[in-house]
Amino acid sequence: MPTAFHYGPYRYFSTYGMEPGDEHDWTFGPWAWETSAVVVSAHPDFLPLAYTDGLVAVTSISSRIAPLSAERTLHCTVRNVGRDNTNYTIYLGGVRP
């Protein structure tokens, strides 16, 4: 029977937030989800920037297996695609077979 899983929140937080056009790379692992369907989502946070219009996107997701050790990691890139600075939160989720 398939099982859902959920990890997070993982937060980027600073006084001024991430600037428009900036990208942040995240790496998660090692993990044993090679047979799972995995999704990464990013959500703008309004604190401490309550009067900003936050808009972030996960622009890439990739998985890697290291040579020899077979250690698996998940990599993603979050980009501020909005017009204002913003902080954000990332969640990982998926389904195991």
C-alpha atoms as a PDB file:
ATOM      1  CA  MET A   1       0.000   0.000   0.000  1.00  0.00           C
ATOM      2  CA  PRO A   2       1.475   3.417  -0.948  1.00  0.00           C
ATOM      3  CA  THR A   3       2.463   5.709   1.907  1.00  0.00           C
ATOM      4  CA  ALA A   4       2.688   9.502   1.834  1.00  0.00           C
ATOM      5  CA  PHE A   5       5.558  11.331   3.524  1.00  0.00           C
ATOM      6  CA  HIS A   6       6.178  14.987   4.375  1.00  0.00           C
ATOM      7  CA  TYR A   7       9.285  16.887   5.515  1.00  0.00           C
ATOM      8  CA  GLY A   8       9.627  20.516   6.468  1.00  0.00           C
ATOM      9  CA  PRO A   9       9.381  23.333   7.041  1.00  0.00           C
ATOM     10  CA  TYR A  10      12.846  24.413   5.908  1.00  0.00           C
ATOM     11  CA  ARG A  11      13.051  28.192   6.021  1.00  0.00           C
ATOM     12  CA  TYR A  12      15.083  30.956   4.452  1.00  0.00           C
ATOM     13  CA  PHE A  13      14.748  33.977   6.695  1.00  0.00           C
ATOM     14  CA  SER A  14      16.600  37.280   6.772  1.00  0.00           C
ATOM     15  CA  THR A  15      15.822  40.849   7.782  1.00  0.00           C
ATOM     16  CA  TYR A  16      15.527  42.010   4.167  1.00  0.00           C
ATOM     17  CA  GLY A  17      14.530  38.765   2.431  1.00  0.00           C
ATOM     18  CA  MET A  18      15.762  37.317  -0.833  1.00  0.00           C
ATOM     19  CA  GLU A  19      16.000  39.938  -3.585  1.00  0.00           C
ATOM     20  CA  PRO A  20      14.067  39.662  -6.868  1.00  0.00           C
ATOM     21  CA  GLY A  21      15.923  37.451  -9.339  1.00  0.00           C
ATOM     22  CA  ASP A  22      18.079  35.794  -6.683  1.00  0.00           C
ATOM     23  CA  GLU A  23      18.327  32.005  -6.534  1.00  0.00           C
ATOM     24  CA  HIS A  24      19.153  29.699  -3.645  1.00  0.00           C
ATOM     25  CA  ASP A  25      20.300  26.102  -4.001  1.00  0.00           C
ATOM     26  CA  TRP A  26      19.236  23.498  -1.444  1.00  0.00           C
ATOM     27  CA  THR A  27      20.481  19.944  -0.944  1.00  0.00           C
ATOM     28  CA  PHE A  28      18.654  17.283   1.053  1.00  0.00           C
ATOM     29  CA  GLY A  29      20.045  13.879   1.912  1.00  0.00           C
ATOM     30  CA  PRO A  30      21.281  11.324   2.162  1.00  0.00           C
ATOM     31  CA  TRP A  31      17.944   9.676   1.509  1.00  0.00           C
ATOM     32  CA  ALA A  32      16.517   6.312   0.521  1.00  0.00           C
ATOM     33  CA  TRP A  33      13.618   7.459  -1.662  1.00  0.00           C
ATOM     34  CA  GLU A  34      14.878   6.133  -4.991  1.00  0.00           C
ATOM     35  CA  THR A  35      11.570   4.367  -5.655  1.00  0.00           C
ATOM     36  CA  SER A  36       9.395   7.266  -4.445  1.00  0.00           C
ATOM     37  CA  ALA A  37       7.693  10.085  -6.304  1.00  0.00           C
ATOM     38  CA  VAL A  38       9.038  13.272  -4.679  1.00  0.00           C
ATOM     39  CA  VAL A  39       7.862  16.888  -4.919  1.00  0.00           C
ATOM     40  CA  VAL A  40       9.413  20.113  -3.577  1.00  0.00           C
ATOM     41  CA  SER A  41       7.339  23.250  -3.013  1.00  0.00           C
ATOM     42  CA  ALA A  42       8.352  26.755  -1.928  1.00  0.00           C
ATOM     43  CA  HIS A  43       6.003  29.256  -0.291  1.00  0.00           C
ATOM     44  CA  PRO A  44       6.655  32.973   0.379  1.00  0.00           C
ATOM     45  CA  ASP A  45       6.594  34.069   4.020  1.00  0.00           C
ATOM     46  CA  PHE A  46       5.320  37.514   4.923  1.00  0.00           C
ATOM     47  CA  LEU A  47       7.266  37.979   8.173  1.00  0.00           C
ATOM     48  CA  PRO A  48       9.037  40.329   8.685  1.00  0.00           C
ATOM     49  CA  LEU A  49       8.136  41.714   5.254  1.00  0.00           C
ATOM     50  CA  ALA A  50       4.372  42.074   5.758  1.00  0.00           C
ATOM     51  CA  TYR A  51       3.802  44.645   3.014  1.00  0.00           C
ATOM     52  CA  THR A  52       5.603  42.884   0.185  1.00  0.00           C
ATOM     53  CA  ASP A  53       4.270  40.852  -2.723  1.00  0.00           C
ATOM     54  CA  GLY A  54       6.204  37.585  -2.412  1.00  0.00           C
ATOM     55  CA  LEU A  55       6.442  35.184  -5.356  1.00  0.00           C
ATOM     56  CA  VAL A  56       8.901  32.278  -5.374  1.00  0.00           C
ATOM     57  CA  ALA A  57       9.327  29.273  -7.664  1.00  0.00           C
ATOM     58  CA  VAL A  58      11.156  25.971  -7.489  1.00  0.00           C
ATOM     59  CA  THR A  59      12.960  26.215 -10.816  1.00  0.00           C
ATOM     60  CA  SER A  60      14.770  22.872 -10.784  1.00  0.00           C
ATOM     61  CA  ILE A  61      14.797  19.553  -8.956  1.00  0.00           C
ATOM     62  CA  SER A  62      17.432  16.891  -9.506  1.00  0.00           C
ATOM     63  CA  SER A  63      18.581  13.749  -7.767  1.00  0.00           C
ATOM     64  CA  ARG A  64      22.112  12.420  -7.535  1.00  0.00           C
ATOM     65  CA  ILE A  65      23.721   9.148  -6.608  1.00  0.00           C
ATOM     66  CA  ALA A  66      27.345   9.376  -5.490  1.00  0.00           C
ATOM     67  CA  PRO A  67      29.904   7.014  -6.988  1.00  0.00           C
ATOM     68  CA  LEU A  68      31.057   4.138  -4.786  1.00  0.00           C
ATOM     69  CA  SER A  69      28.961   5.064  -1.725  1.00  0.00           C
ATOM     70  CA  ALA A  70      25.618   5.054  -3.569  1.00  0.00           C
ATOM     71  CA  GLU A  71      24.560   7.924  -1.276  1.00  0.00           C
ATOM     72  CA  ARG A  72      21.546   9.696  -2.753  1.00  0.00           C
ATOM     73  CA  THR A  73      20.798  13.420  -2.470  1.00  0.00           C
ATOM     74  CA  LEU A  74      18.049  15.673  -3.780  1.00  0.00           C
ATOM     75  CA  HIS A  75      18.924  19.153  -5.091  1.00  0.00           C
ATOM     76  CA  CYS A  76      16.556  22.026  -5.818  1.00  0.00           C
ATOM     77  CA  THR A  77      16.760  25.687  -6.766  1.00  0.00           C
ATOM     78  CA  VAL A  78      14.369  28.338  -5.417  1.00  0.00           C
ATOM     79  CA  ARG A  79      14.122  31.647  -7.286  1.00  0.00           C
ATOM     80  CA  ASN A  80      12.430  34.891  -6.287  1.00  0.00           C
ATOM     81  CA  VAL A  81      10.326  35.554  -9.394  1.00  0.00           C
ATOM     82  CA  GLY A  82       8.410  38.424  -7.790  1.00  0.00           C
ATOM     83  CA  ARG A  83       9.046  42.144  -7.707  1.00  0.00           C
ATOM     84  CA  ASP A  84       9.703  42.434  -3.952  1.00  0.00           C
ATOM     85  CA  ASN A  85      12.142  40.907  -1.484  1.00  0.00           C
ATOM     86  CA  THR A  86      10.746  37.862   0.311  1.00  0.00           C
ATOM     87  CA  ASN A  87      11.539  35.107   2.787  1.00  0.00           C
ATOM     88  CA  TYR A  88      10.261  31.611   2.057  1.00  0.00           C
ATOM     89  CA  THR A  89       9.623  28.086   3.329  1.00  0.00           C
ATOM     90  CA  ILE A  90      10.306  24.785   1.561  1.00  0.00           C
ATOM     91  CA  TYR A  91       8.445  21.492   2.002  1.00  0.00           C
ATOM     92  CA  LEU A  92       9.298  18.059   0.606  1.00  0.00           C
ATOM     93  CA  GLY A  93       6.699  15.402   0.154  1.00  0.00           C
ATOM     94  CA  GLY A  94       5.987  12.307  -1.803  1.00  0.00           C
ATOM     95  CA  VAL A  95       4.616   8.826  -2.044  1.00  0.00           C
ATOM     96  CA  ARG A  96       6.420   5.586  -1.286  1.00  0.00           C
ATOM     97  CA  PRO A  97       5.276   2.487  -3.173  1.00  0.00           C
END
